[in-house]
């Protein structure tokens, strides 16, 4: 199964981490898309570590990040700068999507 996680707030990083690890432990793949205030989490060490895990694909809306003065310098190379097209792709290929 492919689990999509849409992060649009900056309040639930611990939940995202726990859900991602639980899904990976069950052999599932995880697709994470970060937008809106969720982009404030991009530089958090826990997010950086999460995105380096095998089985996790992560992207973010660069427009939303720019709106919040969040640059992509220093981000893990595993986090892809993108657009809402990445969100659409996640929703298309994920079997289930969680919004936090």
C-alpha atoms as a PDB file:
ATOM      1  CA  UNK A   1       0.000   0.000   0.000  1.00  0.00           C
ATOM      2  CA  UNK A   2       1.028   3.596  -0.624  1.00  0.00           C
ATOM      3  CA  UNK A   3       0.106   6.045   2.118  1.00  0.00           C
ATOM      4  CA  UNK A   4      -0.073   9.734   1.286  1.00  0.00           C
ATOM      5  CA  UNK A   5       0.415  12.318   4.001  1.00  0.00           C
ATOM      6  CA  UNK A   6      -0.546  15.915   3.245  1.00  0.00           C
ATOM      7  CA  UNK A   7       1.012  18.294   5.758  1.00  0.00           C
ATOM      8  CA  UNK A   8      -0.626  21.718   5.682  1.00  0.00           C
ATOM      9  CA  UNK A   9      -0.052  22.830   9.291  1.00  0.00           C
ATOM     10  CA  UNK A  10       3.041  23.079  11.467  1.00  0.00           C
ATOM     11  CA  UNK A  11       1.457  21.363  14.483  1.00  0.00           C
ATOM     12  CA  UNK A  12       1.707  17.600  13.956  1.00  0.00           C
ATOM     13  CA  UNK A  13       5.288  16.612  13.145  1.00  0.00           C
ATOM     14  CA  UNK A  14       5.381  13.991  15.912  1.00  0.00           C
ATOM     15  CA  UNK A  15       2.245  12.382  14.480  1.00  0.00           C
ATOM     16  CA  UNK A  16       3.665  12.458  10.954  1.00  0.00           C
ATOM     17  CA  UNK A  17       6.822  10.776  12.214  1.00  0.00           C
ATOM     18  CA  UNK A  18       4.917   8.111  14.146  1.00  0.00           C
ATOM     19  CA  UNK A  19       2.510   7.348  11.298  1.00  0.00           C
ATOM     20  CA  UNK A  20       5.351   7.176   8.775  1.00  0.00           C
ATOM     21  CA  UNK A  21       7.404   4.782  10.895  1.00  0.00           C
ATOM     22  CA  UNK A  22       4.345   2.603  11.548  1.00  0.00           C
ATOM     23  CA  UNK A  23       3.563   2.426   7.830  1.00  0.00           C
ATOM     24  CA  UNK A  24       7.161   1.587   6.927  1.00  0.00           C
ATOM     25  CA  UNK A  25       7.262  -1.089   9.641  1.00  0.00           C
ATOM     26  CA  UNK A  26       4.250  -2.720   7.939  1.00  0.00           C
ATOM     27  CA  UNK A  27       6.042  -2.664   4.570  1.00  0.00           C
ATOM     28  CA  UNK A  28       4.113   0.258   3.091  1.00  0.00           C
ATOM     29  CA  UNK A  29       5.464   3.176   1.073  1.00  0.00           C
ATOM     30  CA  UNK A  30       4.862   6.758   2.214  1.00  0.00           C
ATOM     31  CA  UNK A  31       4.451   9.844   0.043  1.00  0.00           C
ATOM     32  CA  UNK A  32       4.584  13.169   1.870  1.00  0.00           C
ATOM     33  CA  UNK A  33       3.524  16.493   0.378  1.00  0.00           C
ATOM     34  CA  UNK A  34       4.072  19.679   2.413  1.00  0.00           C
ATOM     35  CA  UNK A  35       2.204  22.912   1.761  1.00  0.00           C
ATOM     36  CA  UNK A  36       0.833  26.058   3.446  1.00  0.00           C
ATOM     37  CA  UNK A  37       2.072  26.408   7.065  1.00  0.00           C
ATOM     38  CA  UNK A  38       3.439  22.870   6.889  1.00  0.00           C
ATOM     39  CA  UNK A  39       6.393  24.327   4.990  1.00  0.00           C
ATOM     40  CA  UNK A  40       7.565  25.768   8.325  1.00  0.00           C
ATOM     41  CA  UNK A  41       8.521  22.184   9.254  1.00  0.00           C
ATOM     42  CA  UNK A  42      10.852  21.621   6.304  1.00  0.00           C
ATOM     43  CA  UNK A  43      14.008  22.586   8.194  1.00  0.00           C
ATOM     44  CA  UNK A  44      13.090  20.680  11.356  1.00  0.00           C
ATOM     45  CA  UNK A  45      15.659  17.949  12.087  1.00  0.00           C
ATOM     46  CA  UNK A  46      12.885  15.346  12.511  1.00  0.00           C
ATOM     47  CA  UNK A  47      11.510  16.165   9.046  1.00  0.00           C
ATOM     48  CA  UNK A  48      14.971  16.020   7.520  1.00  0.00           C
ATOM     49  CA  UNK A  49      15.568  12.566   9.032  1.00  0.00           C
ATOM     50  CA  UNK A  50      12.121  11.322   8.021  1.00  0.00           C
ATOM     51  CA  UNK A  51      12.668  12.208   4.384  1.00  0.00           C
ATOM     52  CA  UNK A  52      15.909  10.238   4.228  1.00  0.00           C
ATOM     53  CA  UNK A  53      14.201   6.963   5.122  1.00  0.00           C
ATOM     54  CA  UNK A  54      13.940   4.269   2.476  1.00  0.00           C
ATOM     55  CA  UNK A  55      10.350   4.048   1.283  1.00  0.00           C
ATOM     56  CA  UNK A  56       9.551   7.736   1.858  1.00  0.00           C
ATOM     57  CA  UNK A  57       9.156  10.248  -0.984  1.00  0.00           C
ATOM     58  CA  UNK A  58       8.750  13.889   0.020  1.00  0.00           C
ATOM     59  CA  UNK A  59       7.988  17.068  -1.887  1.00  0.00           C
ATOM     60  CA  UNK A  60       6.749  20.540  -1.024  1.00  0.00           C
ATOM     61  CA  UNK A  61       5.018  23.478  -2.661  1.00  0.00           C
ATOM     62  CA  UNK A  62       7.807  25.941  -3.341  1.00  0.00           C
ATOM     63  CA  UNK A  63       5.259  28.755  -3.874  1.00  0.00           C
ATOM     64  CA  UNK A  64       3.897  28.262  -0.349  1.00  0.00           C
ATOM     65  CA  UNK A  65       7.432  28.121   1.052  1.00  0.00           C
ATOM     66  CA  UNK A  66       8.366  31.400  -0.685  1.00  0.00           C
ATOM     67  CA  UNK A  67       5.203  33.021   0.716  1.00  0.00           C
ATOM     68  CA  UNK A  68       6.522  32.220   4.192  1.00  0.00           C
ATOM     69  CA  UNK A  69      10.134  33.224   3.446  1.00  0.00           C
ATOM     70  CA  UNK A  70      11.313  29.632   3.704  1.00  0.00           C
ATOM     71  CA  UNK A  71      14.191  28.890   1.390  1.00  0.00           C
ATOM     72  CA  UNK A  72      15.254  25.510   0.151  1.00  0.00           C
ATOM     73  CA  UNK A  73      18.917  25.981   1.020  1.00  0.00           C
ATOM     74  CA  UNK A  74      20.025  23.446   3.576  1.00  0.00           C
ATOM     75  CA  UNK A  75      17.137  21.107   2.863  1.00  0.00           C
ATOM     76  CA  UNK A  76      17.838  17.432   2.494  1.00  0.00           C
ATOM     77  CA  UNK A  77      18.301  16.490  -1.160  1.00  0.00           C
ATOM     78  CA  UNK A  78      15.555  13.904  -0.682  1.00  0.00           C
ATOM     79  CA  UNK A  79      12.962  16.689  -0.340  1.00  0.00           C
ATOM     80  CA  UNK A  80      11.873  17.784  -3.813  1.00  0.00           C
ATOM     81  CA  UNK A  81      10.800  21.360  -4.451  1.00  0.00           C
ATOM     82  CA  UNK A  82       7.627  21.273  -6.474  1.00  0.00           C
ATOM     83  CA  UNK A  83       4.115  22.602  -6.898  1.00  0.00           C
ATOM     84  CA  UNK A  84       0.539  21.541  -6.377  1.00  0.00           C
ATOM     85  CA  UNK A  85       1.115  19.118  -9.228  1.00  0.00           C
ATOM     86  CA  UNK A  86       3.072  17.009  -6.717  1.00  0.00           C
ATOM     87  CA  UNK A  87       0.013  17.070  -4.457  1.00  0.00           C
ATOM     88  CA  UNK A  88      -2.195  15.911  -7.325  1.00  0.00           C
ATOM     89  CA  UNK A  89       0.249  13.125  -8.162  1.00  0.00           C
ATOM     90  CA  UNK A  90       0.316  11.961  -4.542  1.00  0.00           C
ATOM     91  CA  UNK A  91      -3.479  11.869  -4.398  1.00  0.00           C
ATOM     92  CA  UNK A  92      -3.603   9.921  -7.636  1.00  0.00           C
ATOM     93  CA  UNK A  93      -1.126   7.190  -6.705  1.00  0.00           C
ATOM     94  CA  UNK A  94      -1.720   6.892  -2.948  1.00  0.00           C
ATOM     95  CA  UNK A  95      -4.164   4.257  -1.748  1.00  0.00           C
ATOM     96  CA  UNK A  96      -5.034   6.339   1.316  1.00  0.00           C
ATOM     97  CA  UNK A  97      -4.289   9.977   2.188  1.00  0.00           C
ATOM     98  CA  UNK A  98      -4.072  11.519   5.651  1.00  0.00           C
ATOM     99  CA  UNK A  99      -4.228  15.296   6.080  1.00  0.00           C
ATOM    100  CA  UNK A 100      -2.472  16.843   9.084  1.00  0.00           C
END
